[in-house]
Amino acid sequence: MDPTTQAASGCRIGLDHPASIVEVAAAAREAQERLWGLRRQPGFDAAADAIQERHGSRRSGLPPSGEGGGPRRRRIADGQLCLDLGLGDGQGLEPAQVANASRFVT
């Protein structure tokens, strides 16, 4: 908080309110570097795959570690969006509408 805001609010950092103990940006950078350092170690991919195999969802379809794969998209099951709202002919959404709606689900 800048000195003008502190004076206007009557709250002086270090006197009325304790000063920060940790520099958040520096601590976050250090934590990120440490995590990526661990992920780069030999054997990390095998350990991650073993954890996914044991505890992960069988339906997730995650590729083994190190293969990339990009962002995942959820698939909408056929019929899931067929909801009759009583606004039309009672048929719910048409297949083309379901296909178009699936583009927006991530």
PDB file of N, CA and C in Angstrom:
ATOM      1  N   MET A   1       0.846  -1.163   0.000  1.00  0.00           N
ATOM      2  CA  MET A   1       0.000   0.000   0.000  1.00  0.00           C
ATOM      3  C   MET A   1       0.897   1.233   0.000  1.00  0.00           C
ATOM      4  N   ASP A   2       0.618   2.156  -0.892  1.00  0.00           N
ATOM      5  CA  ASP A   2       1.466   3.346  -0.981  1.00  0.00           C
ATOM      6  C   ASP A   2       1.199   4.275   0.217  1.00  0.00           C
ATOM      7  N   PRO A   3       2.145   5.174   0.523  1.00  0.00           N
ATOM      8  CA  PRO A   3       2.018   6.045   1.697  1.00  0.00           C
ATOM      9  C   PRO A   3       0.750   6.916   1.689  1.00  0.00           C
ATOM     10  N   THR A   4       0.317   7.391   0.535  1.00  0.00           N
ATOM     11  CA  THR A   4      -0.888   8.219   0.459  1.00  0.00           C
ATOM     12  C   THR A   4      -2.118   7.431   0.898  1.00  0.00           C
ATOM     13  N   THR A   5      -2.233   6.181   0.406  1.00  0.00           N
ATOM     14  CA  THR A   5      -3.357   5.333   0.775  1.00  0.00           C
ATOM     15  C   THR A   5      -3.304   4.984   2.256  1.00  0.00           C
ATOM     16  N   GLN A   6      -2.092   4.745   2.770  1.00  0.00           N
ATOM     17  CA  GLN A   6      -1.945   4.446   4.189  1.00  0.00           C
ATOM     18  C   GLN A   6      -2.420   5.622   5.043  1.00  0.00           C
ATOM     19  N   ALA A   7      -2.027   6.841   4.673  1.00  0.00           N
ATOM     20  CA  ALA A   7      -2.426   8.027   5.429  1.00  0.00           C
ATOM     21  C   ALA A   7      -3.937   8.236   5.353  1.00  0.00           C
ATOM     22  N   ALA A   8      -4.516   8.033   4.168  1.00  0.00           N
ATOM     23  CA  ALA A   8      -5.949   8.232   3.999  1.00  0.00           C
ATOM     24  C   ALA A   8      -6.768   7.210   4.785  1.00  0.00           C
ATOM     25  N   SER A   9      -6.271   5.989   4.873  1.00  0.00           N
ATOM     26  CA  SER A   9      -7.012   4.934   5.569  1.00  0.00           C
ATOM     27  C   SER A   9      -6.696   4.866   7.056  1.00  0.00           C
ATOM     28  N   GLY A  10      -5.630   5.553   7.480  1.00  0.00           N
ATOM     29  CA  GLY A  10      -5.249   5.501   8.894  1.00  0.00           C
ATOM     30  C   GLY A  10      -4.599   4.186   9.279  1.00  0.00           C
ATOM     31  N   CYS A  11      -4.069   3.506   8.304  1.00  0.00           N
ATOM     32  CA  CYS A  11      -3.412   2.217   8.544  1.00  0.00           C
ATOM     33  C   CYS A  11      -1.998   2.298   7.988  1.00  0.00           C
ATOM     34  N   ARG A  12      -1.016   2.310   8.866  1.00  0.00           N
ATOM     35  CA  ARG A  12       0.369   2.421   8.443  1.00  0.00           C
ATOM     36  C   ARG A  12       1.031   1.051   8.539  1.00  0.00           C
ATOM     37  N   ILE A  13       1.527   0.589   7.411  1.00  0.00           N
ATOM     38  CA  ILE A  13       2.183  -0.716   7.361  1.00  0.00           C
ATOM     39  C   ILE A  13       3.447  -0.652   8.208  1.00  0.00           C
ATOM     40  N   GLY A  14       3.587  -1.626   9.071  1.00  0.00           N
ATOM     41  CA  GLY A  14       4.733  -1.682   9.973  1.00  0.00           C
ATOM     42  C   GLY A  14       4.429  -1.103  11.339  1.00  0.00           C
ATOM     43  N   LEU A  15       3.394  -0.248  11.438  1.00  0.00           N
ATOM     44  CA  LEU A  15       2.995   0.331  12.723  1.00  0.00           C
ATOM     45  C   LEU A  15       1.612  -0.167  13.146  1.00  0.00           C
ATOM     46  N   ASP A  16       0.600   0.092  12.317  1.00  0.00           N
ATOM     47  CA  ASP A  16      -0.770  -0.335  12.611  1.00  0.00           C
ATOM     48  C   ASP A  16      -1.053  -1.748  12.122  1.00  0.00           C
ATOM     49  N   HIS A  17      -0.322  -2.151  11.130  1.00  0.00           N
ATOM     50  CA  HIS A  17      -0.504  -3.475  10.523  1.00  0.00           C
ATOM     51  C   HIS A  17       0.884  -4.047  10.256  1.00  0.00           C
ATOM     52  N   PRO A  18       1.103  -5.324  10.552  1.00  0.00           N
ATOM     53  CA  PRO A  18       2.450  -5.879  10.344  1.00  0.00           C
ATOM     54  C   PRO A  18       2.858  -5.863   8.875  1.00  0.00           C
ATOM     55  N   ALA A  19       4.141  -5.645   8.660  1.00  0.00           N
ATOM     56  CA  ALA A  19       4.688  -5.676   7.301  1.00  0.00           C
ATOM     57  C   ALA A  19       4.737  -7.115   6.809  1.00  0.00           C
ATOM     58  N   SER A  20       4.780  -7.281   5.497  1.00  0.00           N
ATOM     59  CA  SER A  20       4.853  -8.622   4.908  1.00  0.00           C
ATOM     60  C   SER A  20       6.104  -9.340   5.370  1.00  0.00           C
ATOM     61  N   ILE A  21       5.961 -10.611   5.638  1.00  0.00           N
ATOM     62  CA  ILE A  21       7.094 -11.438   6.053  1.00  0.00           C
ATOM     63  C   ILE A  21       7.762 -12.046   4.824  1.00  0.00           C
ATOM     64  N   VAL A  22       6.959 -12.355   3.815  1.00  0.00           N
ATOM     65  CA  VAL A  22       7.432 -13.040   2.617  1.00  0.00           C
ATOM     66  C   VAL A  22       7.124 -12.182   1.393  1.00  0.00           C
ATOM     67  N   GLU A  23       8.074 -12.106   0.474  1.00  0.00           N
ATOM     68  CA  GLU A  23       7.801 -11.498  -0.821  1.00  0.00           C
ATOM     69  C   GLU A  23       7.094 -12.550  -1.665  1.00  0.00           C
ATOM     70  N   VAL A  24       5.821 -12.338  -1.921  1.00  0.00           N
ATOM     71  CA  VAL A  24       4.988 -13.350  -2.570  1.00  0.00           C
ATOM     72  C   VAL A  24       5.518 -13.726  -3.947  1.00  0.00           C
ATOM     73  N   ALA A  25       5.861 -12.744  -4.767  1.00  0.00           N
ATOM     74  CA  ALA A  25       6.320 -13.041  -6.133  1.00  0.00           C
ATOM     75  C   ALA A  25       7.611 -13.858  -6.116  1.00  0.00           C
ATOM     76  N   ALA A  26       8.543 -13.491  -5.237  1.00  0.00           N
ATOM     77  CA  ALA A  26       9.813 -14.213  -5.162  1.00  0.00           C
ATOM     78  C   ALA A  26       9.595 -15.634  -4.640  1.00  0.00           C
ATOM     79  N   ALA A  27       8.725 -15.782  -3.637  1.00  0.00           N
ATOM     80  CA  ALA A  27       8.450 -17.112  -3.086  1.00  0.00           C
ATOM     81  C   ALA A  27       7.764 -17.995  -4.133  1.00  0.00           C
ATOM     82  N   ALA A  28       6.845 -17.422  -4.902  1.00  0.00           N
ATOM     83  CA  ALA A  28       6.164 -18.196  -5.941  1.00  0.00           C
ATOM     84  C   ALA A  28       7.139 -18.635  -7.024  1.00  0.00           C
ATOM     85  N   ARG A  29       8.030 -17.722  -7.427  1.00  0.00           N
ATOM     86  CA  ARG A  29       9.042 -18.064  -8.436  1.00  0.00           C
ATOM     87  C   ARG A  29       9.927 -19.207  -7.938  1.00  0.00           C
ATOM     88  N   GLU A  30      10.378 -19.120  -6.691  1.00  0.00           N
ATOM     89  CA  GLU A  30      11.246 -20.153  -6.135  1.00  0.00           C
ATOM     90  C   GLU A  30      10.522 -21.499  -6.067  1.00  0.00           C
ATOM     91  N   ALA A  31       9.261 -21.483  -5.625  1.00  0.00           N
ATOM     92  CA  ALA A  31       8.496 -22.728  -5.544  1.00  0.00           C
ATOM     93  C   ALA A  31       8.308 -23.347  -6.922  1.00  0.00           C
ATOM     94  N   GLN A  32       8.025 -22.513  -7.909  1.00  0.00           N
ATOM     95  CA  GLN A  32       7.841 -23.010  -9.271  1.00  0.00           C
ATOM     96  C   GLN A  32       9.137 -23.632  -9.798  1.00  0.00           C
ATOM     97  N   GLU A  33      10.248 -22.973  -9.561  1.00  0.00           N
ATOM     98  CA  GLU A  33      11.536 -23.515 -10.002  1.00  0.00           C
ATOM     99  C   GLU A  33      11.843 -24.844  -9.319  1.00  0.00           C
ATOM    100  N   ARG A  34      11.531 -24.950  -8.039  1.00  0.00           N
ATOM    101  CA  ARG A  34      11.783 -26.204  -7.316  1.00  0.00           C
ATOM    102  C   ARG A  34      10.913 -27.336  -7.859  1.00  0.00           C
ATOM    103  N   LEU A  35       9.629 -27.033  -8.111  1.00  0.00           N
ATOM    104  CA  LEU A  35       8.735 -28.066  -8.649  1.00  0.00           C
ATOM    105  C   LEU A  35       9.182 -28.530 -10.026  1.00  0.00           C
ATOM    106  N   TRP A  36       9.521 -27.593 -10.907  1.00  0.00           N
ATOM    107  CA  TRP A  36       9.963 -27.993 -12.240  1.00  0.00           C
ATOM    108  C   TRP A  36      11.298 -28.714 -12.174  1.00  0.00           C
ATOM    109  N   GLY A  37      12.132 -28.375 -11.192  1.00  0.00           N
ATOM    110  CA  GLY A  37      13.377 -29.109 -11.001  1.00  0.00           C
ATOM    111  C   GLY A  37      13.107 -30.565 -10.661  1.00  0.00           C
ATOM    112  N   LEU A  38      12.104 -30.805  -9.817  1.00  0.00           N
ATOM    113  CA  LEU A  38      11.730 -32.179  -9.475  1.00  0.00           C
ATOM    114  C   LEU A  38      11.152 -32.908 -10.681  1.00  0.00           C
ATOM    115  N   ARG A  39      10.350 -32.211 -11.461  1.00  0.00           N
ATOM    116  CA  ARG A  39       9.721 -32.844 -12.618  1.00  0.00           C
ATOM    117  C   ARG A  39      10.731 -33.206 -13.702  1.00  0.00           C
ATOM    118  N   ARG A  40      11.854 -32.517 -13.732  1.00  0.00           N
ATOM    119  CA  ARG A  40      12.885 -32.806 -14.739  1.00  0.00           C
ATOM    120  C   ARG A  40      13.795 -33.968 -14.347  1.00  0.00           C
ATOM    121  N   GLN A  41      13.709 -34.429 -13.111  1.00  0.00           N
ATOM    122  CA  GLN A  41      14.591 -35.504 -12.660  1.00  0.00           C
ATOM    123  C   GLN A  41      14.254 -36.812 -13.366  1.00  0.00           C
ATOM    124  N   PRO A  42      15.279 -37.645 -13.578  1.00  0.00           N
ATOM    125  CA  PRO A  42      15.026 -38.952 -14.200  1.00  0.00           C
ATOM    126  C   PRO A  42      14.074 -39.773 -13.335  1.00  0.00           C
ATOM    127  N   GLY A  43      13.152 -40.451 -13.965  1.00  0.00           N
ATOM    128  CA  GLY A  43      12.224 -41.318 -13.249  1.00  0.00           C
ATOM    129  C   GLY A  43      10.936 -40.636 -12.832  1.00  0.00           C
ATOM    130  N   PHE A  44      10.852 -39.311 -12.994  1.00  0.00           N
ATOM    131  CA  PHE A  44       9.628 -38.621 -12.581  1.00  0.00           C
ATOM    132  C   PHE A  44       8.424 -39.083 -13.400  1.00  0.00           C
ATOM    133  N   ASP A  45       8.591 -39.203 -14.718  1.00  0.00           N
ATOM    134  CA  ASP A  45       7.478 -39.606 -15.575  1.00  0.00           C
ATOM    135  C   ASP A  45       6.936 -40.975 -15.179  1.00  0.00           C
ATOM    136  N   ALA A  46       7.840 -41.924 -14.877  1.00  0.00           N
ATOM    137  CA  ALA A  46       7.405 -43.264 -14.481  1.00  0.00           C
ATOM    138  C   ALA A  46       6.646 -43.214 -13.160  1.00  0.00           C
ATOM    139  N   ALA A  47       7.124 -42.400 -12.217  1.00  0.00           N
ATOM    140  CA  ALA A  47       6.439 -42.275 -10.921  1.00  0.00           C
ATOM    141  C   ALA A  47       5.065 -41.634 -11.103  1.00  0.00           C
ATOM    142  N   ALA A  48       4.972 -40.607 -11.940  1.00  0.00           N
ATOM    143  CA  ALA A  48       3.690 -39.953 -12.194  1.00  0.00           C
ATOM    144  C   ALA A  48       2.713 -40.918 -12.858  1.00  0.00           C
ATOM    145  N   ASP A  49       3.200 -41.711 -13.802  1.00  0.00           N
ATOM    146  CA  ASP A  49       2.342 -42.695 -14.458  1.00  0.00           C
ATOM    147  C   ASP A  49       1.847 -43.749 -13.473  1.00  0.00           C
ATOM    148  N   ALA A  50       2.709 -44.180 -12.547  1.00  0.00           N
ATOM    149  CA  ALA A  50       2.305 -45.171 -11.542  1.00  0.00           C
ATOM    150  C   ALA A  50       1.223 -44.607 -10.630  1.00  0.00           C
ATOM    151  N   ILE A  51       1.353 -43.342 -10.257  1.00  0.00           N
ATOM    152  CA  ILE A  51       0.332 -42.711  -9.419  1.00  0.00           C
ATOM    153  C   ILE A  51      -0.986 -42.609 -10.178  1.00  0.00           C
ATOM    154  N   GLN A  52      -0.926 -42.185 -11.450  1.00  0.00           N
ATOM    155  CA  GLN A  52      -2.141 -42.085 -12.262  1.00  0.00           C
ATOM    156  C   GLN A  52      -2.787 -43.456 -12.428  1.00  0.00           C
ATOM    157  N   GLU A  53      -1.989 -44.465 -12.645  1.00  0.00           N
ATOM    158  CA  GLU A  53      -2.506 -45.823 -12.827  1.00  0.00           C
ATOM    159  C   GLU A  53      -3.241 -46.297 -11.574  1.00  0.00           C
ATOM    160  N   ARG A  54      -2.670 -46.006 -10.415  1.00  0.00           N
ATOM    161  CA  ARG A  54      -3.249 -46.495  -9.168  1.00  0.00           C
ATOM    162  C   ARG A  54      -4.439 -45.654  -8.703  1.00  0.00           C
ATOM    163  N   HIS A  55      -4.342 -44.338  -8.814  1.00  0.00           N
ATOM    164  CA  HIS A  55      -5.343 -43.463  -8.204  1.00  0.00           C
ATOM    165  C   HIS A  55      -6.206 -42.703  -9.198  1.00  0.00           C
ATOM    166  N   GLY A  56      -5.825 -42.673 -10.468  1.00  0.00           N
ATOM    167  CA  GLY A  56      -6.553 -41.871 -11.449  1.00  0.00           C
ATOM    168  C   GLY A  56      -7.810 -42.549 -11.941  1.00  0.00           C
ATOM    169  N   SER A  57      -8.639 -41.781 -12.587  1.00  0.00           N
ATOM    170  CA  SER A  57      -9.861 -42.302 -13.168  1.00  0.00           C
ATOM    171  C   SER A  57      -9.518 -43.160 -14.380  1.00  0.00           C
ATOM    172  N   ARG A  58     -10.188 -44.280 -14.507  1.00  0.00           N
ATOM    173  CA  ARG A  58      -9.967 -45.136 -15.671  1.00  0.00           C
ATOM    174  C   ARG A  58     -10.537 -44.498 -16.928  1.00  0.00           C
ATOM    175  N   ARG A  59     -11.463 -43.552 -16.764  1.00  0.00           N
ATOM    176  CA  ARG A  59     -12.106 -42.930 -17.906  1.00  0.00           C
ATOM    177  C   ARG A  59     -11.436 -41.628 -18.327  1.00  0.00           C
ATOM    178  N   SER A  60     -10.423 -41.183 -17.603  1.00  0.00           N
ATOM    179  CA  SER A  60      -9.848 -39.875 -17.888  1.00  0.00           C
ATOM    180  C   SER A  60      -9.166 -39.822 -19.246  1.00  0.00           C
ATOM    181  N   GLY A  61      -8.604 -40.924 -19.689  1.00  0.00           N
ATOM    182  CA  GLY A  61      -7.944 -40.955 -20.980  1.00  0.00           C
ATOM    183  C   GLY A  61      -6.665 -40.145 -21.030  1.00  0.00           C
ATOM    184  N   LEU A  62      -6.020 -39.951 -19.881  1.00  0.00           N
ATOM    185  CA  LEU A  62      -4.776 -39.195 -19.862  1.00  0.00           C
ATOM    186  C   LEU A  62      -3.679 -39.963 -20.581  1.00  0.00           C
ATOM    187  N   PRO A  63      -2.908 -39.279 -21.417  1.00  0.00           N
ATOM    188  CA  PRO A  63      -1.767 -39.956 -22.027  1.00  0.00           C
ATOM    189  C   PRO A  63      -0.680 -40.128 -20.973  1.00  0.00           C
ATOM    190  N   PRO A  64       0.197 -41.120 -21.133  1.00  0.00           N
ATOM    191  CA  PRO A  64       1.303 -41.257 -20.194  1.00  0.00           C
ATOM    192  C   PRO A  64       2.131 -39.976 -20.132  1.00  0.00           C
ATOM    193  N   SER A  65       2.753 -39.721 -19.005  1.00  0.00           N
ATOM    194  CA  SER A  65       3.539 -38.499 -18.817  1.00  0.00           C
ATOM    195  C   SER A  65       4.610 -38.377 -19.883  1.00  0.00           C
ATOM    196  N   GLY A  66       4.862 -37.150 -20.283  1.00  0.00           N
ATOM    197  CA  GLY A  66       5.896 -36.889 -21.265  1.00  0.00           C
ATOM    198  C   GLY A  66       5.419 -36.940 -22.695  1.00  0.00           C
ATOM    199  N   GLU A  67       4.165 -37.360 -22.919  1.00  0.00           N
ATOM    200  CA  GLU A  67       3.654 -37.439 -24.287  1.00  0.00           C
ATOM    201  C   GLU A  67       2.880 -36.195 -24.689  1.00  0.00           C
ATOM    202  N   GLY A  68       2.760 -35.235 -23.805  1.00  0.00           N
ATOM    203  CA  GLY A  68       2.033 -34.014 -24.138  1.00  0.00           C
ATOM    204  C   GLY A  68       0.552 -34.280 -24.210  1.00  0.00           C
ATOM    205  N   GLY A  69      -0.035 -33.959 -25.323  1.00  0.00           N
ATOM    206  CA  GLY A  69      -1.455 -34.211 -25.494  1.00  0.00           C
ATOM    207  C   GLY A  69      -2.276 -32.946 -25.513  1.00  0.00           C
ATOM    208  N   GLY A  70      -1.748 -31.846 -25.009  1.00  0.00           N
ATOM    209  CA  GLY A  70      -2.466 -30.580 -25.038  1.00  0.00           C
ATOM    210  C   GLY A  70      -3.660 -30.582 -24.111  1.00  0.00           C
ATOM    211  N   PRO A  71      -4.493 -29.550 -24.225  1.00  0.00           N
ATOM    212  CA  PRO A  71      -5.656 -29.444 -23.340  1.00  0.00           C
ATOM    213  C   PRO A  71      -6.679 -30.526 -23.653  1.00  0.00           C
ATOM    214  N   ARG A  72      -7.330 -31.013 -22.601  1.00  0.00           N
ATOM    215  CA  ARG A  72      -8.342 -32.043 -22.777  1.00  0.00           C
ATOM    216  C   ARG A  72      -9.709 -31.387 -22.866  1.00  0.00           C
ATOM    217  N   ARG A  73     -10.606 -32.032 -23.567  1.00  0.00           N
ATOM    218  CA  ARG A  73     -11.972 -31.550 -23.657  1.00  0.00           C
ATOM    219  C   ARG A  73     -12.894 -32.660 -23.203  1.00  0.00           C
ATOM    220  N   ARG A  74     -13.900 -32.279 -22.444  1.00  0.00           N
ATOM    221  CA  ARG A  74     -14.897 -33.261 -22.033  1.00  0.00           C
ATOM    222  C   ARG A  74     -15.802 -33.583 -23.202  1.00  0.00           C
ATOM    223  N   ARG A  75     -16.200 -34.821 -23.293  1.00  0.00           N
ATOM    224  CA  ARG A  75     -17.144 -35.217 -24.325  1.00  0.00           C
ATOM    225  C   ARG A  75     -18.530 -35.269 -23.717  1.00  0.00           C
ATOM    226  N   ILE A  76     -19.495 -34.870 -24.480  1.00  0.00           N
ATOM    227  CA  ILE A  76     -20.873 -34.910 -24.020  1.00  0.00           C
ATOM    228  C   ILE A  76     -21.500 -36.184 -24.564  1.00  0.00           C
ATOM    229  N   ALA A  77     -22.075 -36.971 -23.667  1.00  0.00           N
ATOM    230  CA  ALA A  77     -22.688 -38.227 -24.078  1.00  0.00           C
ATOM    231  C   ALA A  77     -23.923 -37.957 -24.927  1.00  0.00           C
ATOM    232  N   ASP A  78     -24.163 -38.836 -25.896  1.00  0.00           N
ATOM    233  CA  ASP A  78     -25.357 -38.695 -26.721  1.00  0.00           C
ATOM    234  C   ASP A  78     -26.588 -38.732 -25.833  1.00  0.00           C
ATOM    235  N   GLY A  79     -27.494 -37.808 -26.067  1.00  0.00           N
ATOM    236  CA  GLY A  79     -28.733 -37.785 -25.317  1.00  0.00           C
ATOM    237  C   GLY A  79     -28.667 -36.963 -24.043  1.00  0.00           C
ATOM    238  N   GLN A  80     -27.501 -36.622 -23.602  1.00  0.00           N
ATOM    239  CA  GLN A  80     -27.381 -35.877 -22.356  1.00  0.00           C
ATOM    240  C   GLN A  80     -28.045 -34.511 -22.474  1.00  0.00           C
ATOM    241  N   LEU A  81     -27.946 -33.889 -23.648  1.00  0.00           N
ATOM    242  CA  LEU A  81     -28.522 -32.575 -23.828  1.00  0.00           C
ATOM    243  C   LEU A  81     -29.940 -32.608 -24.367  1.00  0.00           C
ATOM    244  N   CYS A  82     -30.526 -33.773 -24.509  1.00  0.00           N
ATOM    245  CA  CYS A  82     -31.897 -33.870 -24.996  1.00  0.00           C
ATOM    246  C   CYS A  82     -32.840 -33.618 -23.834  1.00  0.00           C
ATOM    247  N   LEU A  83     -33.084 -32.346 -23.566  1.00  0.00           N
ATOM    248  CA  LEU A  83     -33.925 -31.940 -22.457  1.00  0.00           C
ATOM    249  C   LEU A  83     -35.102 -31.151 -23.005  1.00  0.00           C
ATOM    250  N   ASP A  84     -36.296 -31.648 -22.768  1.00  0.00           N
ATOM    251  CA  ASP A  84     -37.486 -30.967 -23.241  1.00  0.00           C
ATOM    252  C   ASP A  84     -37.842 -29.867 -22.253  1.00  0.00           C
ATOM    253  N   LEU A  85     -37.731 -28.624 -22.697  1.00  0.00           N
ATOM    254  CA  LEU A  85     -38.071 -27.486 -21.850  1.00  0.00           C
ATOM    255  C   LEU A  85     -39.504 -27.037 -22.063  1.00  0.00           C
ATOM    256  N   GLY A  86     -40.231 -27.744 -22.886  1.00  0.00           N
ATOM    257  CA  GLY A  86     -41.619 -27.396 -23.138  1.00  0.00           C
ATOM    258  C   GLY A  86     -41.767 -26.143 -23.974  1.00  0.00           C
ATOM    259  N   LEU A  87     -40.739 -25.794 -24.744  1.00  0.00           N
ATOM    260  CA  LEU A  87     -40.779 -24.566 -25.523  1.00  0.00           C
ATOM    261  C   LEU A  87     -41.063 -24.811 -26.999  1.00  0.00           C
ATOM    262  N   GLY A  88     -41.038 -26.019 -27.410  1.00  0.00           N
ATOM    263  CA  GLY A  88     -41.172 -26.267 -28.851  1.00  0.00           C
ATOM    264  C   GLY A  88     -41.973 -27.513 -29.107  1.00  0.00           C
ATOM    265  N   ASP A  89     -41.428 -28.374 -29.954  1.00  0.00           N
ATOM    266  CA  ASP A  89     -42.132 -29.568 -30.375  1.00  0.00           C
ATOM    267  C   ASP A  89     -41.977 -30.729 -29.403  1.00  0.00           C
ATOM    268  N   GLY A  90     -41.273 -30.536 -28.296  1.00  0.00           N
ATOM    269  CA  GLY A  90     -41.119 -31.593 -27.305  1.00  0.00           C
ATOM    270  C   GLY A  90     -39.990 -32.548 -27.593  1.00  0.00           C
ATOM    271  N   GLN A  91     -39.187 -32.267 -28.613  1.00  0.00           N
ATOM    272  CA  GLN A  91     -38.122 -33.188 -28.985  1.00  0.00           C
ATOM    273  C   GLN A  91     -36.784 -32.851 -28.339  1.00  0.00           C
ATOM    274  N   GLY A  92     -36.680 -31.740 -27.643  1.00  0.00           N
ATOM    275  CA  GLY A  92     -35.400 -31.371 -27.052  1.00  0.00           C
ATOM    276  C   GLY A  92     -34.466 -30.815 -28.102  1.00  0.00           C
ATOM    277  N   LEU A  93     -33.192 -30.962 -27.895  1.00  0.00           N
ATOM    278  CA  LEU A  93     -32.204 -30.442 -28.832  1.00  0.00           C
ATOM    279  C   LEU A  93     -31.988 -31.417 -29.974  1.00  0.00           C
ATOM    280  N   GLU A  94     -31.811 -30.886 -31.143  1.00  0.00           N
ATOM    281  CA  GLU A  94     -31.513 -31.694 -32.320  1.00  0.00           C
ATOM    282  C   GLU A  94     -30.040 -32.107 -32.282  1.00  0.00           C
ATOM    283  N   PRO A  95     -29.653 -33.179 -32.975  1.00  0.00           N
ATOM    284  CA  PRO A  95     -28.246 -33.608 -32.979  1.00  0.00           C
ATOM    285  C   PRO A  95     -27.280 -32.513 -33.394  1.00  0.00           C
ATOM    286  N   ALA A  96     -27.654 -31.667 -34.376  1.00  0.00           N
ATOM    287  CA  ALA A  96     -26.760 -30.586 -34.812  1.00  0.00           C
ATOM    288  C   ALA A  96     -26.553 -29.583 -33.679  1.00  0.00           C
ATOM    289  N   GLN A  97     -27.604 -29.336 -32.888  1.00  0.00           N
ATOM    290  CA  GLN A  97     -27.478 -28.421 -31.757  1.00  0.00           C
ATOM    291  C   GLN A  97     -26.552 -29.002 -30.699  1.00  0.00           C
ATOM    292  N   VAL A  98     -26.649 -30.321 -30.485  1.00  0.00           N
ATOM    293  CA  VAL A  98     -25.778 -30.974 -29.513  1.00  0.00           C
ATOM    294  C   VAL A  98     -24.328 -30.875 -29.975  1.00  0.00           C
ATOM    295  N   ALA A  99     -24.088 -31.087 -31.275  1.00  0.00           N
ATOM    296  CA  ALA A  99     -22.724 -30.999 -31.809  1.00  0.00           C
ATOM    297  C   ALA A  99     -22.184 -29.583 -31.664  1.00  0.00           C
ATOM    298  N   ASN A 100     -23.003 -28.588 -31.948  1.00  0.00           N
ATOM    299  CA  ASN A 100     -22.562 -27.192 -31.803  1.00  0.00           C
ATOM    300  C   ASN A 100     -22.305 -26.839 -30.353  1.00  0.00           C
ATOM    301  N   ALA A 101     -23.123 -27.333 -29.442  1.00  0.00           N
ATOM    302  CA  ALA A 101     -22.952 -27.030 -28.022  1.00  0.00           C
ATOM    303  C   ALA A 101     -21.668 -27.652 -27.491  1.00  0.00           C
ATOM    304  N   SER A 102     -21.264 -28.801 -28.035  1.00  0.00           N
ATOM    305  CA  SER A 102     -20.066 -29.473 -27.529  1.00  0.00           C
ATOM    306  C   SER A 102     -18.801 -28.688 -27.818  1.00  0.00           C
ATOM    307  N   ARG A 103     -18.854 -27.746 -28.776  1.00  0.00           N
ATOM    308  CA  ARG A 103     -17.679 -26.928 -29.050  1.00  0.00           C
ATOM    309  C   ARG A 103     -17.347 -26.034 -27.878  1.00  0.00           C
ATOM    310  N   PHE A 104     -18.322 -25.706 -27.045  1.00  0.00           N
ATOM    311  CA  PHE A 104     -18.116 -24.750 -25.976  1.00  0.00           C
ATOM    312  C   PHE A 104     -17.815 -25.401 -24.635  1.00  0.00           C
ATOM    313  N   VAL A 105     -17.839 -26.716 -24.558  1.00  0.00           N
ATOM    314  CA  VAL A 105     -17.547 -27.423 -23.319  1.00  0.00           C
ATOM    315  C   VAL A 105     -16.061 -27.738 -23.293  1.00  0.00           C
ATOM    316  N   THR A 106     -15.380 -27.328 -22.225  1.00  0.00           N
ATOM    317  CA  THR A 106     -13.948 -27.623 -22.122  1.00  0.00           C
ATOM    318  C   THR A 106     -13.670 -28.444 -20.901  1.00  0.00           C
TER     319      THR A 106
END
